N, C-alpha and C. Protein backbone atom coordinates (compact mmCIF):
# COMPACT_ATOMS: atom_id res chain seq x y z
N MET A 1 -5.53 -34.27 -26.98
CA MET A 1 -5.47 -32.84 -26.92
C MET A 1 -6.05 -32.30 -25.61
N ASP A 2 -6.75 -33.14 -24.86
CA ASP A 2 -7.33 -32.69 -23.59
C ASP A 2 -6.29 -32.49 -22.50
N TRP A 3 -5.11 -33.06 -22.67
CA TRP A 3 -4.07 -32.94 -21.66
C TRP A 3 -3.32 -31.62 -21.76
N PHE A 4 -3.41 -30.96 -22.90
CA PHE A 4 -2.63 -29.74 -23.15
C PHE A 4 -2.90 -28.64 -22.10
N PRO A 5 -4.18 -28.27 -21.85
CA PRO A 5 -4.41 -27.21 -20.85
C PRO A 5 -3.98 -27.60 -19.44
N ILE A 6 -4.10 -28.88 -19.11
CA ILE A 6 -3.73 -29.32 -17.77
C ILE A 6 -2.22 -29.23 -17.57
N VAL A 7 -1.46 -29.74 -18.52
CA VAL A 7 0.00 -29.75 -18.39
C VAL A 7 0.55 -28.34 -18.42
N PHE A 8 0.18 -27.57 -19.43
CA PHE A 8 0.76 -26.24 -19.54
C PHE A 8 0.19 -25.25 -18.52
N GLY A 9 -1.05 -25.48 -18.07
CA GLY A 9 -1.58 -24.68 -16.98
C GLY A 9 -0.82 -24.93 -15.69
N SER A 10 -0.47 -26.20 -15.47
CA SER A 10 0.32 -26.54 -14.28
C SER A 10 1.72 -25.93 -14.34
N ILE A 11 2.33 -26.00 -15.52
CA ILE A 11 3.66 -25.40 -15.69
C ILE A 11 3.60 -23.90 -15.48
N LYS A 12 2.57 -23.27 -16.03
CA LYS A 12 2.41 -21.82 -15.87
C LYS A 12 2.24 -21.46 -14.39
N ALA A 13 1.41 -22.21 -13.68
CA ALA A 13 1.21 -21.94 -12.25
C ALA A 13 2.50 -22.13 -11.48
N LEU A 14 3.27 -23.16 -11.81
CA LEU A 14 4.54 -23.41 -11.13
C LEU A 14 5.54 -22.28 -11.38
N VAL A 15 5.66 -21.85 -12.62
CA VAL A 15 6.61 -20.78 -12.97
C VAL A 15 6.19 -19.46 -12.32
N LEU A 16 4.91 -19.11 -12.41
CA LEU A 16 4.45 -17.86 -11.79
C LEU A 16 4.55 -17.91 -10.28
N GLY A 17 4.24 -19.05 -9.67
CA GLY A 17 4.37 -19.19 -8.22
C GLY A 17 5.81 -19.04 -7.77
N THR A 18 6.75 -19.64 -8.52
CA THR A 18 8.16 -19.51 -8.19
C THR A 18 8.63 -18.07 -8.32
N GLY A 19 8.20 -17.43 -9.40
CA GLY A 19 8.56 -16.02 -9.61
C GLY A 19 8.02 -15.12 -8.51
N MET A 20 6.77 -15.35 -8.09
CA MET A 20 6.20 -14.54 -7.02
C MET A 20 6.94 -14.77 -5.71
N PHE A 21 7.31 -16.02 -5.43
CA PHE A 21 8.04 -16.31 -4.21
C PHE A 21 9.36 -15.54 -4.17
N PHE A 22 10.13 -15.60 -5.26
CA PHE A 22 11.41 -14.92 -5.26
C PHE A 22 11.26 -13.40 -5.28
N ALA A 23 10.20 -12.88 -5.89
CA ALA A 23 9.96 -11.43 -5.88
C ALA A 23 9.65 -10.96 -4.46
N ILE A 24 8.80 -11.70 -3.77
CA ILE A 24 8.46 -11.33 -2.39
C ILE A 24 9.68 -11.46 -1.49
N LYS A 25 10.45 -12.52 -1.67
CA LYS A 25 11.66 -12.72 -0.87
C LYS A 25 12.65 -11.60 -1.10
N TRP A 26 12.84 -11.18 -2.35
CA TRP A 26 13.79 -10.11 -2.65
C TRP A 26 13.35 -8.80 -2.01
N HIS A 27 12.04 -8.48 -2.11
CA HIS A 27 11.56 -7.24 -1.51
C HIS A 27 11.67 -7.29 0.01
N TYR A 28 11.40 -8.44 0.60
CA TYR A 28 11.53 -8.57 2.04
C TYR A 28 12.99 -8.38 2.47
N ASP A 29 13.91 -8.99 1.75
CA ASP A 29 15.33 -8.85 2.06
C ASP A 29 15.79 -7.40 1.91
N GLN A 30 15.28 -6.71 0.90
CA GLN A 30 15.65 -5.30 0.71
C GLN A 30 15.13 -4.46 1.87
N GLY A 31 13.93 -4.79 2.34
CA GLY A 31 13.36 -4.06 3.47
C GLY A 31 14.14 -4.30 4.75
N GLN A 32 14.65 -5.51 4.93
CA GLN A 32 15.43 -5.81 6.12
C GLN A 32 16.80 -5.14 6.08
N LYS A 33 17.33 -4.98 4.88
CA LYS A 33 18.65 -4.39 4.74
C LYS A 33 18.63 -2.89 5.05
N ASP A 34 17.58 -2.24 4.63
CA ASP A 34 17.48 -0.79 4.80
C ASP A 34 16.37 -0.45 5.79
N LYS A 35 16.66 -0.59 7.06
CA LYS A 35 15.69 -0.20 8.07
C LYS A 35 15.72 1.32 8.21
N ASP A 36 14.68 1.96 7.72
CA ASP A 36 14.61 3.42 7.77
C ASP A 36 13.64 3.87 8.84
N THR A 37 13.47 5.15 8.94
CA THR A 37 12.63 5.73 9.98
C THR A 37 11.16 5.53 9.66
N LYS A 38 10.34 5.85 10.65
CA LYS A 38 8.89 5.73 10.47
C LYS A 38 8.36 6.77 9.49
N MET A 39 9.07 7.86 9.32
CA MET A 39 8.62 8.89 8.40
C MET A 39 8.56 8.35 6.97
N GLU A 40 9.56 7.58 6.60
CA GLU A 40 9.54 7.02 5.25
C GLU A 40 8.40 6.03 5.11
N MET A 41 8.13 5.25 6.14
CA MET A 41 7.02 4.30 6.09
C MET A 41 5.70 5.03 5.95
N ARG A 42 5.56 6.14 6.65
CA ARG A 42 4.34 6.94 6.52
C ARG A 42 4.18 7.48 5.12
N ALA A 43 5.28 7.93 4.53
CA ALA A 43 5.23 8.45 3.17
C ALA A 43 4.84 7.35 2.18
N VAL A 44 5.36 6.16 2.38
CA VAL A 44 5.02 5.05 1.50
C VAL A 44 3.55 4.69 1.67
N LEU A 45 3.07 4.64 2.90
CA LEU A 45 1.67 4.32 3.14
C LEU A 45 0.76 5.39 2.55
N ARG A 46 1.14 6.64 2.68
CA ARG A 46 0.34 7.73 2.13
C ARG A 46 0.28 7.62 0.61
N ALA A 47 1.42 7.36 -0.02
CA ALA A 47 1.45 7.22 -1.47
C ALA A 47 0.64 6.00 -1.92
N SER A 48 0.72 4.92 -1.17
CA SER A 48 -0.06 3.72 -1.50
C SER A 48 -1.56 3.99 -1.38
N GLY A 49 -1.93 4.73 -0.35
CA GLY A 49 -3.34 5.09 -0.18
C GLY A 49 -3.85 5.94 -1.31
N LYS A 50 -3.02 6.90 -1.74
CA LYS A 50 -3.42 7.74 -2.87
C LYS A 50 -3.56 6.93 -4.15
N ALA A 51 -2.61 6.02 -4.38
CA ALA A 51 -2.68 5.19 -5.57
C ALA A 51 -3.92 4.29 -5.53
N ALA A 52 -4.24 3.75 -4.38
CA ALA A 52 -5.42 2.90 -4.24
C ALA A 52 -6.69 3.71 -4.48
N ALA A 53 -6.73 4.94 -3.95
CA ALA A 53 -7.90 5.79 -4.15
C ALA A 53 -8.09 6.13 -5.62
N VAL A 54 -7.00 6.45 -6.31
CA VAL A 54 -7.08 6.77 -7.74
C VAL A 54 -7.56 5.53 -8.51
N PHE A 55 -7.06 4.37 -8.15
CA PHE A 55 -7.47 3.13 -8.81
C PHE A 55 -8.97 2.89 -8.62
N VAL A 56 -9.45 3.05 -7.40
CA VAL A 56 -10.86 2.80 -7.12
C VAL A 56 -11.73 3.80 -7.86
N LEU A 57 -11.33 5.07 -7.87
CA LEU A 57 -12.11 6.08 -8.59
C LEU A 57 -12.11 5.82 -10.09
N THR A 58 -10.97 5.40 -10.64
CA THR A 58 -10.91 5.07 -12.06
C THR A 58 -11.79 3.87 -12.37
N LEU A 59 -11.77 2.88 -11.50
CA LEU A 59 -12.62 1.70 -11.68
C LEU A 59 -14.09 2.07 -11.61
N LEU A 60 -14.45 2.94 -10.69
CA LEU A 60 -15.82 3.41 -10.59
C LEU A 60 -16.23 4.17 -11.84
N GLY A 61 -15.35 5.05 -12.33
CA GLY A 61 -15.65 5.79 -13.55
C GLY A 61 -15.82 4.87 -14.75
N LEU A 62 -14.97 3.87 -14.86
CA LEU A 62 -15.09 2.91 -15.96
C LEU A 62 -16.40 2.15 -15.86
N GLY A 63 -16.78 1.76 -14.65
CA GLY A 63 -18.05 1.06 -14.47
C GLY A 63 -19.24 1.93 -14.85
N LEU A 64 -19.22 3.20 -14.45
CA LEU A 64 -20.31 4.11 -14.80
C LEU A 64 -20.36 4.36 -16.30
N PHE A 65 -19.20 4.51 -16.92
CA PHE A 65 -19.14 4.71 -18.36
C PHE A 65 -19.69 3.49 -19.10
N THR A 66 -19.34 2.31 -18.63
CA THR A 66 -19.83 1.07 -19.23
C THR A 66 -21.34 0.98 -19.09
N PHE A 67 -21.86 1.31 -17.91
CA PHE A 67 -23.30 1.29 -17.68
C PHE A 67 -24.01 2.27 -18.60
N TYR A 68 -23.44 3.47 -18.74
CA TYR A 68 -24.01 4.49 -19.62
C TYR A 68 -24.00 4.01 -21.07
N LEU A 69 -22.91 3.44 -21.51
CA LEU A 69 -22.78 2.96 -22.89
C LEU A 69 -23.79 1.84 -23.16
N ILE A 70 -23.98 0.97 -22.19
CA ILE A 70 -24.96 -0.12 -22.36
C ILE A 70 -26.38 0.45 -22.48
N ARG A 71 -26.68 1.47 -21.68
CA ARG A 71 -28.01 2.07 -21.73
C ARG A 71 -28.24 2.79 -23.06
N VAL A 72 -27.21 3.48 -23.55
CA VAL A 72 -27.35 4.23 -24.81
C VAL A 72 -27.51 3.27 -25.99
N LEU A 73 -26.76 2.19 -25.99
CA LEU A 73 -26.83 1.24 -27.10
C LEU A 73 -28.02 0.29 -26.99
N GLY A 74 -28.71 0.33 -25.86
CA GLY A 74 -29.91 -0.48 -25.70
C GLY A 74 -29.63 -1.95 -25.50
N MET A 75 -28.57 -2.26 -24.83
CA MET A 75 -28.26 -3.69 -24.62
C MET A 75 -29.01 -4.17 -23.42
């Protein structure tokens, strides 16, 4: 039974690695096909920055809430 995690973990890594490779390749090919202006790139970067900022703020809020909950429950 000790071989189970090794074999299936390896298969999982292989399948996910293959999927990531083809996903990156597809997105790269799509980007090469549609060369647009710098304005669109700026809009994408701006939207990515906003999404990253919202993610970080949400993560910070969750961390503070967790800290507060731990203090209230006396853990």
